[in-house]
């Protein structure tokens, strides 16, 4: 069997800070009572939002949706919920087709 040249230190260095320990999902209700800046702050902190939409999603998300898209985050409306993901977190909708 051949010898493997594994640089485990390099692998550990790449993994440092990516263990998901700070990752969080915030469940809440999107009904217009929460300030748009609060949603943006949560996304800036790396949180994924799962918001139960109570009303017109376009009206309720108008104050933060463009900024989320501009920062390359994602917004997906699915079955009465708005999922808002920060940059670098992909919402995979492929299985819905």
C-alpha atoms as a PDB file:
ATOM      1  CA  UNK A   1       0.000   0.000   0.000  1.00  0.00           C
ATOM      2  CA  UNK A   2       1.338   3.440  -0.923  1.00  0.00           C
ATOM      3  CA  UNK A   3       2.205   6.132   1.567  1.00  0.00           C
ATOM      4  CA  UNK A   4      -0.203   9.030   1.984  1.00  0.00           C
ATOM      5  CA  UNK A   5       1.098  12.551   2.391  1.00  0.00           C
ATOM      6  CA  UNK A   6      -1.573  14.166   4.554  1.00  0.00           C
ATOM      7  CA  UNK A   7      -0.991  17.577   6.082  1.00  0.00           C
ATOM      8  CA  UNK A   8      -3.401  17.308   9.004  1.00  0.00           C
ATOM      9  CA  UNK A   9      -2.248  20.624  10.468  1.00  0.00           C
ATOM     10  CA  UNK A  10      -3.287  22.419   7.270  1.00  0.00           C
ATOM     11  CA  UNK A  11      -6.674  20.697   7.374  1.00  0.00           C
ATOM     12  CA  UNK A  12      -7.191  21.685  11.027  1.00  0.00           C
ATOM     13  CA  UNK A  13      -6.203  25.282  10.240  1.00  0.00           C
ATOM     14  CA  UNK A  14      -8.828  25.414   7.477  1.00  0.00           C
ATOM     15  CA  UNK A  15     -11.475  24.000   9.793  1.00  0.00           C
ATOM     16  CA  UNK A  16     -10.812  26.454  12.629  1.00  0.00           C
ATOM     17  CA  UNK A  17     -13.747  28.832  12.904  1.00  0.00           C
ATOM     18  CA  UNK A  18     -15.983  26.760  10.645  1.00  0.00           C
ATOM     19  CA  UNK A  19     -17.349  24.296  13.166  1.00  0.00           C
ATOM     20  CA  UNK A  20     -20.790  25.897  13.045  1.00  0.00           C
ATOM     21  CA  UNK A  21     -20.683  26.606  16.767  1.00  0.00           C
ATOM     22  CA  UNK A  22     -21.996  30.130  16.252  1.00  0.00           C
ATOM     23  CA  UNK A  23     -24.532  29.166  13.589  1.00  0.00           C
ATOM     24  CA  UNK A  24     -28.134  29.692  14.502  1.00  0.00           C
ATOM     25  CA  UNK A  25     -31.592  29.629  13.016  1.00  0.00           C
ATOM     26  CA  UNK A  26     -34.044  32.243  14.245  1.00  0.00           C
ATOM     27  CA  UNK A  27     -37.759  31.397  14.150  1.00  0.00           C
ATOM     28  CA  UNK A  28     -40.096  34.373  14.279  1.00  0.00           C
ATOM     29  CA  UNK A  29     -43.179  35.969  12.786  1.00  0.00           C
ATOM     30  CA  UNK A  30     -43.040  38.517   9.971  1.00  0.00           C
ATOM     31  CA  UNK A  31     -46.034  40.735  10.664  1.00  0.00           C
ATOM     32  CA  UNK A  32     -44.599  44.250  10.536  1.00  0.00           C
ATOM     33  CA  UNK A  33     -43.993  44.612  14.276  1.00  0.00           C
ATOM     34  CA  UNK A  34     -40.230  43.954  14.131  1.00  0.00           C
ATOM     35  CA  UNK A  35     -37.997  46.727  12.839  1.00  0.00           C
ATOM     36  CA  UNK A  36     -36.294  45.961   9.501  1.00  0.00           C
ATOM     37  CA  UNK A  37     -32.923  46.849  11.036  1.00  0.00           C
ATOM     38  CA  UNK A  38     -33.320  44.005  13.523  1.00  0.00           C
ATOM     39  CA  UNK A  39     -33.695  41.487  10.678  1.00  0.00           C
ATOM     40  CA  UNK A  40     -30.645  42.956   8.925  1.00  0.00           C
ATOM     41  CA  UNK A  41     -28.608  42.811  12.125  1.00  0.00           C
ATOM     42  CA  UNK A  42     -29.444  39.131  12.601  1.00  0.00           C
ATOM     43  CA  UNK A  43     -28.405  38.369   9.018  1.00  0.00           C
ATOM     44  CA  UNK A  44     -25.180  40.351   9.510  1.00  0.00           C
ATOM     45  CA  UNK A  45     -24.489  38.093  12.507  1.00  0.00           C
ATOM     46  CA  UNK A  46     -24.859  35.042  10.252  1.00  0.00           C
ATOM     47  CA  UNK A  47     -28.280  33.878  11.438  1.00  0.00           C
ATOM     48  CA  UNK A  48     -30.766  32.173   9.128  1.00  0.00           C
ATOM     49  CA  UNK A  49     -34.305  33.515   9.579  1.00  0.00           C
ATOM     50  CA  UNK A  50     -37.401  31.354   9.228  1.00  0.00           C
ATOM     51  CA  UNK A  51     -40.286  33.791   9.389  1.00  0.00           C
ATOM     52  CA  UNK A  52     -43.962  32.860   9.459  1.00  0.00           C
ATOM     53  CA  UNK A  53     -45.534  35.452   7.150  1.00  0.00           C
ATOM     54  CA  UNK A  54     -48.715  37.060   8.443  1.00  0.00           C
ATOM     55  CA  UNK A  55     -49.811  39.368   5.648  1.00  0.00           C
ATOM     56  CA  UNK A  56     -48.414  40.347   2.255  1.00  0.00           C
ATOM     57  CA  UNK A  57     -44.831  39.071   2.058  1.00  0.00           C
ATOM     58  CA  UNK A  58     -43.838  41.735  -0.489  1.00  0.00           C
ATOM     59  CA  UNK A  59     -45.022  44.573   1.746  1.00  0.00           C
ATOM     60  CA  UNK A  60     -43.624  43.077   4.946  1.00  0.00           C
ATOM     61  CA  UNK A  61     -40.174  42.314   3.506  1.00  0.00           C
ATOM     62  CA  UNK A  62     -39.851  45.482   1.421  1.00  0.00           C
ATOM     63  CA  UNK A  63     -37.766  47.248   4.064  1.00  0.00           C
ATOM     64  CA  UNK A  64     -34.981  44.651   4.131  1.00  0.00           C
ATOM     65  CA  UNK A  65     -35.248  42.364   1.076  1.00  0.00           C
ATOM     66  CA  UNK A  66     -33.224  44.564  -1.303  1.00  0.00           C
ATOM     67  CA  UNK A  67     -30.396  44.933   1.228  1.00  0.00           C
ATOM     68  CA  UNK A  68     -30.306  41.160   1.764  1.00  0.00           C
ATOM     69  CA  UNK A  69     -30.058  40.575  -1.992  1.00  0.00           C
ATOM     70  CA  UNK A  70     -27.440  43.333  -2.369  1.00  0.00           C
ATOM     71  CA  UNK A  71     -25.248  41.594   0.227  1.00  0.00           C
ATOM     72  CA  UNK A  72     -25.778  38.356  -1.743  1.00  0.00           C
ATOM     73  CA  UNK A  73     -28.032  36.740   0.838  1.00  0.00           C
ATOM     74  CA  UNK A  74     -31.051  34.692  -0.165  1.00  0.00           C
ATOM     75  CA  UNK A  75     -34.789  35.069   0.356  1.00  0.00           C
ATOM     76  CA  UNK A  76     -37.183  32.215  -0.384  1.00  0.00           C
ATOM     77  CA  UNK A  77     -40.940  32.291   0.200  1.00  0.00           C
ATOM     78  CA  UNK A  78     -42.126  28.746   0.883  1.00  0.00           C
ATOM     79  CA  UNK A  79     -45.520  27.618   2.197  1.00  0.00           C
ATOM     80  CA  UNK A  80     -46.253  30.723   4.214  1.00  0.00           C
ATOM     81  CA  UNK A  81     -42.694  31.132   5.470  1.00  0.00           C
ATOM     82  CA  UNK A  82     -39.940  33.477   4.374  1.00  0.00           C
ATOM     83  CA  UNK A  83     -36.501  31.914   4.689  1.00  0.00           C
ATOM     84  CA  UNK A  84     -33.743  34.526   4.788  1.00  0.00           C
ATOM     85  CA  UNK A  85     -30.156  33.319   4.590  1.00  0.00           C
ATOM     86  CA  UNK A  86     -26.956  35.332   4.975  1.00  0.00           C
ATOM     87  CA  UNK A  87     -24.262  35.433   2.281  1.00  0.00           C
ATOM     88  CA  UNK A  88     -22.553  32.081   1.925  1.00  0.00           C
ATOM     89  CA  UNK A  89     -25.596  30.046   2.988  1.00  0.00           C
ATOM     90  CA  UNK A  90     -27.449  28.585   0.034  1.00  0.00           C
ATOM     91  CA  UNK A  91     -31.131  27.750   0.242  1.00  0.00           C
ATOM     92  CA  UNK A  92     -31.422  24.659  -1.968  1.00  0.00           C
ATOM     93  CA  UNK A  93     -34.815  24.539  -3.670  1.00  0.00           C
ATOM     94  CA  UNK A  94     -33.901  21.886  -6.261  1.00  0.00           C
ATOM     95  CA  UNK A  95     -36.015  19.189  -4.611  1.00  0.00           C
ATOM     96  CA  UNK A  96     -39.159  21.308  -4.965  1.00  0.00           C
ATOM     97  CA  UNK A  97     -39.224  20.882  -8.759  1.00  0.00           C
END
